[in-house]
C-alpha atoms as a PDB file:
ATOM      1  CA  VAL A   1      -0.544   0.104  -0.383  1.00  0.00           C
ATOM      2  CA  GLN A   2       1.146   3.207  -0.667  1.00  0.00           C
ATOM      3  CA  LEU A   3       0.107   6.727   0.113  1.00  0.00           C
ATOM      4  CA  VAL A   4       1.126   9.336  -2.337  1.00  0.00           C
ATOM      5  CA  GLU A   5       0.337  13.288  -1.488  1.00  0.00           C
ATOM      6  CA  SER A   6       0.740  16.617  -3.645  1.00  0.00           C
ATOM      7  CA  GLY A   7      -0.006  19.578  -4.144  1.00  0.00           C
ATOM      8  CA  GLY A   8       2.438  21.475  -1.437  1.00  0.00           C
ATOM      9  CA  GLY A   9       4.567  24.557  -2.237  1.00  0.00           C
ATOM     10  CA  LEU A  10       5.878  27.801  -1.264  1.00  0.00           C
ATOM     11  CA  VAL A  11       2.338  30.235  -1.371  1.00  0.00           C
ATOM     12  CA  GLN A  12       1.895  34.077  -0.142  1.00  0.00           C
ATOM     13  CA  ALA A  13      -0.011  34.787   3.557  1.00  0.00           C
ATOM     14  CA  GLY A  14      -3.912  34.461   1.795  1.00  0.00           C
ATOM     15  CA  GLY A  15      -3.116  32.579  -0.585  1.00  0.00           C
ATOM     16  CA  SER A  16      -4.557  28.856  -1.377  1.00  0.00           C
ATOM     17  CA  LEU A  17      -3.099  25.583  -2.503  1.00  0.00           C
ATOM     18  CA  ARG A  18      -5.513  22.079  -2.715  1.00  0.00           C
ATOM     19  CA  LEU A  19      -3.266  19.003  -1.186  1.00  0.00           C
ATOM     20  CA  SER A  20      -4.098  15.790  -3.016  1.00  0.00           C
ATOM     21  CA  CYS A  21      -4.039  11.841  -1.677  1.00  0.00           C
ATOM     22  CA  ALA A  22      -3.753   9.503  -3.768  1.00  0.00           C
ATOM     23  CA  ALA A  23      -3.345   5.441  -3.344  1.00  0.00           C
ATOM     24  CA  SER A  24      -2.055   2.152  -4.437  1.00  0.00           C
ATOM     25  CA  GLY A  25      -3.153  -1.217  -2.771  1.00  0.00           C
ATOM     26  CA  PHE A  26      -5.698   0.913  -0.767  1.00  0.00           C
ATOM     27  CA  THR A  27      -9.234   1.650  -1.356  1.00  0.00           C
ATOM     28  CA  PHE A  28     -10.980   4.515  -0.410  1.00  0.00           C
ATOM     29  CA  ASP A  29     -14.665   3.198  -0.015  1.00  0.00           C
ATOM     30  CA  ASP A  30     -15.764   2.895   4.042  1.00  0.00           C
ATOM     31  CA  ALA A  31     -12.477   4.111   4.743  1.00  0.00           C
ATOM     32  CA  ILE A  32     -11.563   7.095   7.220  1.00  0.00           C
ATOM     33  CA  ILE A  33      -8.552   9.570   5.430  1.00  0.00           C
ATOM     34  CA  GLY A  34      -6.543  11.962   7.862  1.00  0.00           C
ATOM     35  CA  TRP A  35      -4.166  15.001   7.726  1.00  0.00           C
ATOM     36  CA  PHE A  36      -2.157  16.104   9.884  1.00  0.00           C
ATOM     37  CA  ARG A  37       0.777  18.020  10.061  1.00  0.00           C
ATOM     38  CA  GLN A  38       4.278  18.596  11.431  1.00  0.00           C
ATOM     39  CA  ALA A  39       5.975  22.066  11.824  1.00  0.00           C
ATOM     40  CA  PRO A  40       9.372  21.409  13.135  1.00  0.00           C
ATOM     41  CA  GLY A  41       9.841  21.275  16.780  1.00  0.00           C
ATOM     42  CA  LYS A  42       6.654  20.818  16.763  1.00  0.00           C
ATOM     43  CA  GLU A  43       4.208  17.137  17.262  1.00  0.00           C
ATOM     44  CA  ARG A  44       1.966  15.689  14.589  1.00  0.00           C
ATOM     45  CA  GLU A  45      -1.473  17.110  14.583  1.00  0.00           C
ATOM     46  CA  GLY A  46      -4.749  16.719  13.074  1.00  0.00           C
ATOM     47  CA  VAL A  47      -6.178  19.156  10.488  1.00  0.00           C
ATOM     48  CA  SER A  48      -9.011  17.230   8.931  1.00  0.00           C
ATOM     49  CA  CYS A  49     -10.694  13.724   7.998  1.00  0.00           C
ATOM     50  CA  ILE A  50     -13.337  12.518   6.688  1.00  0.00           C
ATOM     51  CA  SER A  51     -15.530   9.525   7.182  1.00  0.00           C
ATOM     52  CA  THR A  52     -15.735   8.237   2.645  1.00  0.00           C
ATOM     53  CA  SER A  53     -19.061   6.524   3.907  1.00  0.00           C
ATOM     54  CA  GLY A  54     -21.521   8.929   4.937  1.00  0.00           C
ATOM     55  CA  GLY A  55     -18.988  11.779   4.470  1.00  0.00           C
ATOM     56  CA  SER A  56     -18.473  13.301   8.406  1.00  0.00           C
ATOM     57  CA  ARG A  57     -16.460  15.653   8.219  1.00  0.00           C
ATOM     58  CA  ASN A  58     -13.690  17.040  11.013  1.00  0.00           C
ATOM     59  CA  TYR A  59     -11.760  19.709  10.962  1.00  0.00           C
ATOM     60  CA  ALA A  60      -9.671  21.018  13.821  1.00  0.00           C
ATOM     61  CA  ASP A  61      -9.599  24.917  15.259  1.00  0.00           C
ATOM     62  CA  SER A  62      -6.969  26.098  13.726  1.00  0.00           C
ATOM     63  CA  VAL A  63      -8.057  25.485   9.900  1.00  0.00           C
ATOM     64  CA  LYS A  64     -12.083  25.625  10.894  1.00  0.00           C
ATOM     65  CA  GLY A  65     -13.690  27.430   7.709  1.00  0.00           C
ATOM     66  CA  ARG A  66     -10.241  28.069   5.428  1.00  0.00           C
ATOM     67  CA  PHE A  67      -9.446  24.474   4.791  1.00  0.00           C
ATOM     68  CA  THR A  68     -11.861  21.414   3.368  1.00  0.00           C
ATOM     69  CA  ILE A  69     -11.565  17.832   2.731  1.00  0.00           C
ATOM     70  CA  SER A  70     -13.575  16.311   0.040  1.00  0.00           C
ATOM     71  CA  GLY A  71     -13.221  12.886  -1.120  1.00  0.00           C
ATOM     72  CA  ASP A  72     -16.743  11.560  -0.559  1.00  0.00           C
ATOM     73  CA  ASN A  73     -17.587   9.333  -3.007  1.00  0.00           C
ATOM     74  CA  GLY A  74     -15.063   6.685  -2.025  1.00  0.00           C
ATOM     75  CA  LYS A  75     -12.787   7.366  -5.220  1.00  0.00           C
ATOM     76  CA  GLU A  76      -9.254   8.230  -4.789  1.00  0.00           C
ATOM     77  CA  PRO A  77      -8.147  11.120  -4.640  1.00  0.00           C
ATOM     78  CA  VAL A  78      -9.166  12.216  -1.642  1.00  0.00           C
ATOM     79  CA  TYR A  79      -8.248  16.665  -1.246  1.00  0.00           C
ATOM     80  CA  MET A  80      -8.037  19.215   0.973  1.00  0.00           C
ATOM     81  CA  GLN A  81      -8.599  22.399  -0.379  1.00  0.00           C
ATOM     82  CA  MET A  82      -6.782  25.017   2.178  1.00  0.00           C
ATOM     83  CA  ASP A  83      -7.859  28.887   1.591  1.00  0.00           C
ATOM     84  CA  ASN A  84      -5.998  32.130   3.350  1.00  0.00           C
ATOM     85  CA  LEU A  85      -3.251  30.690   4.742  1.00  0.00           C
ATOM     86  CA  LYS A  86      -1.483  31.711   7.474  1.00  0.00           C
ATOM     87  CA  PRO A  87       2.770  31.396   7.844  1.00  0.00           C
ATOM     88  CA  GLU A  88       1.798  29.001  10.688  1.00  0.00           C
ATOM     89  CA  ASP A  89       0.139  27.118   9.079  1.00  0.00           C
ATOM     90  CA  SER A  90       3.897  25.974   7.319  1.00  0.00           C
ATOM     91  CA  ALA A  91       4.284  22.692   7.972  1.00  0.00           C
ATOM     92  CA  ILE A  92       4.899  19.053   6.526  1.00  0.00           C
ATOM     93  CA  TYR A  93       1.657  17.818   5.099  1.00  0.00           C
ATOM     94  CA  TYR A  94       0.805  13.359   5.715  1.00  0.00           C
ATOM     95  CA  CYS A  95      -2.000  12.150   4.552  1.00  0.00           C
ATOM     96  CA  ALA A  96      -3.467   8.981   6.348  1.00  0.00           C
ATOM     97  CA  ALA A  97      -5.804   6.066   5.743  1.00  0.00           C
ATOM     98  CA  GLN A  98      -7.428   3.000   7.317  1.00  0.00           C
ATOM     99  CA  LYS A  99     -11.032   1.173   7.084  1.00  0.00           C
ATOM    100  CA  ALA A 100     -13.777   2.186   9.122  1.00  0.00           C
ATOM    101  CA  HIS A 101     -14.353  -1.166  10.195  1.00  0.00           C
ATOM    102  CA  LEU A 102     -10.235  -1.185  11.522  1.00  0.00           C
ATOM    103  CA  ILE A 103     -10.454   2.178  13.525  1.00  0.00           C
ATOM    104  CA  ARG A 104     -10.849   0.640  17.131  1.00  0.00           C
ATOM    105  CA  GLU A 105     -12.413   3.068  18.942  1.00  0.00           C
ATOM    106  CA  ASP A 106     -15.895   4.846  19.046  1.00  0.00           C
ATOM    107  CA  TYR A 107     -15.449   8.604  17.774  1.00  0.00           C
ATOM    108  CA  ASP A 108     -18.647  10.941  16.984  1.00  0.00           C
ATOM    109  CA  PHE A 109     -16.531  12.136  13.997  1.00  0.00           C
ATOM    110  CA  CYS A 110     -13.299  10.486  12.531  1.00  0.00           C
ATOM    111  CA  PRO A 111     -10.617  10.754  14.832  1.00  0.00           C
ATOM    112  CA  PHE A 112      -7.391  13.234  15.029  1.00  0.00           C
ATOM    113  CA  VAL A 113      -5.441   9.921  16.630  1.00  0.00           C
ATOM    114  CA  PRO A 114      -2.131   9.276  14.490  1.00  0.00           C
ATOM    115  CA  ASN A 115      -2.433   5.652  15.659  1.00  0.00           C
ATOM    116  CA  GLU A 116      -5.425   4.822  14.331  1.00  0.00           C
ATOM    117  CA  TYR A 117      -4.317   5.226  11.145  1.00  0.00           C
ATOM    118  CA  TYR A 118      -1.883   2.410   9.562  1.00  0.00           C
ATOM    119  CA  TYR A 119      -0.834   3.817   6.427  1.00  0.00           C
ATOM    120  CA  TRP A 120       0.628   6.797   5.994  1.00  0.00           C
ATOM    121  CA  GLY A 121       2.296   8.815   2.798  1.00  0.00           C
ATOM    122  CA  GLN A 122       5.437  10.870   2.656  1.00  0.00           C
ATOM    123  CA  GLY A 123       3.889  13.993   3.132  1.00  0.00           C
ATOM    124  CA  THR A 124       3.918  17.492   1.501  1.00  0.00           C
ATOM    125  CA  ARG A 125       5.610  20.905   2.508  1.00  0.00           C
ATOM    126  CA  VAL A 126       3.916  23.309   2.541  1.00  0.00           C
ATOM    127  CA  THR A 127       5.639  26.531   2.888  1.00  0.00           C
ATOM    128  CA  VAL A 128       3.412  29.850   3.607  1.00  0.00           C
ATOM    129  CA  SER A 129       5.886  33.071   3.438  1.00  0.00           C
ATOM    130  CA  SER A 130       4.530  36.925   5.183  1.00  0.00           C
END
């Protein structure tokens, strides 16, 4: 299984980027797909996630209203549209995936718990200049 992120880059504050997550050896139907990010010296944090069956979404408070995750038809790739980017959004962004029935705990929404996701991409770097 391989997850591949793309779409990162350098953008000015206030700009937009769209990240995509594609997979080989893994189908996105009935899955939980999450986007996480990690900035230098900081822990990995959940940004957004989606349940591809049902379409429920979850966003970190820091990105609500600015980021949008899509991909609720179970077809790859899963996208994350990032608008009104801020310098504090600079990080390496990772796509993560797990089949929904293998999520171990019950959550109201798709979780920002890295250990719940088995498959991870290599990451794509996002740099937002001020």
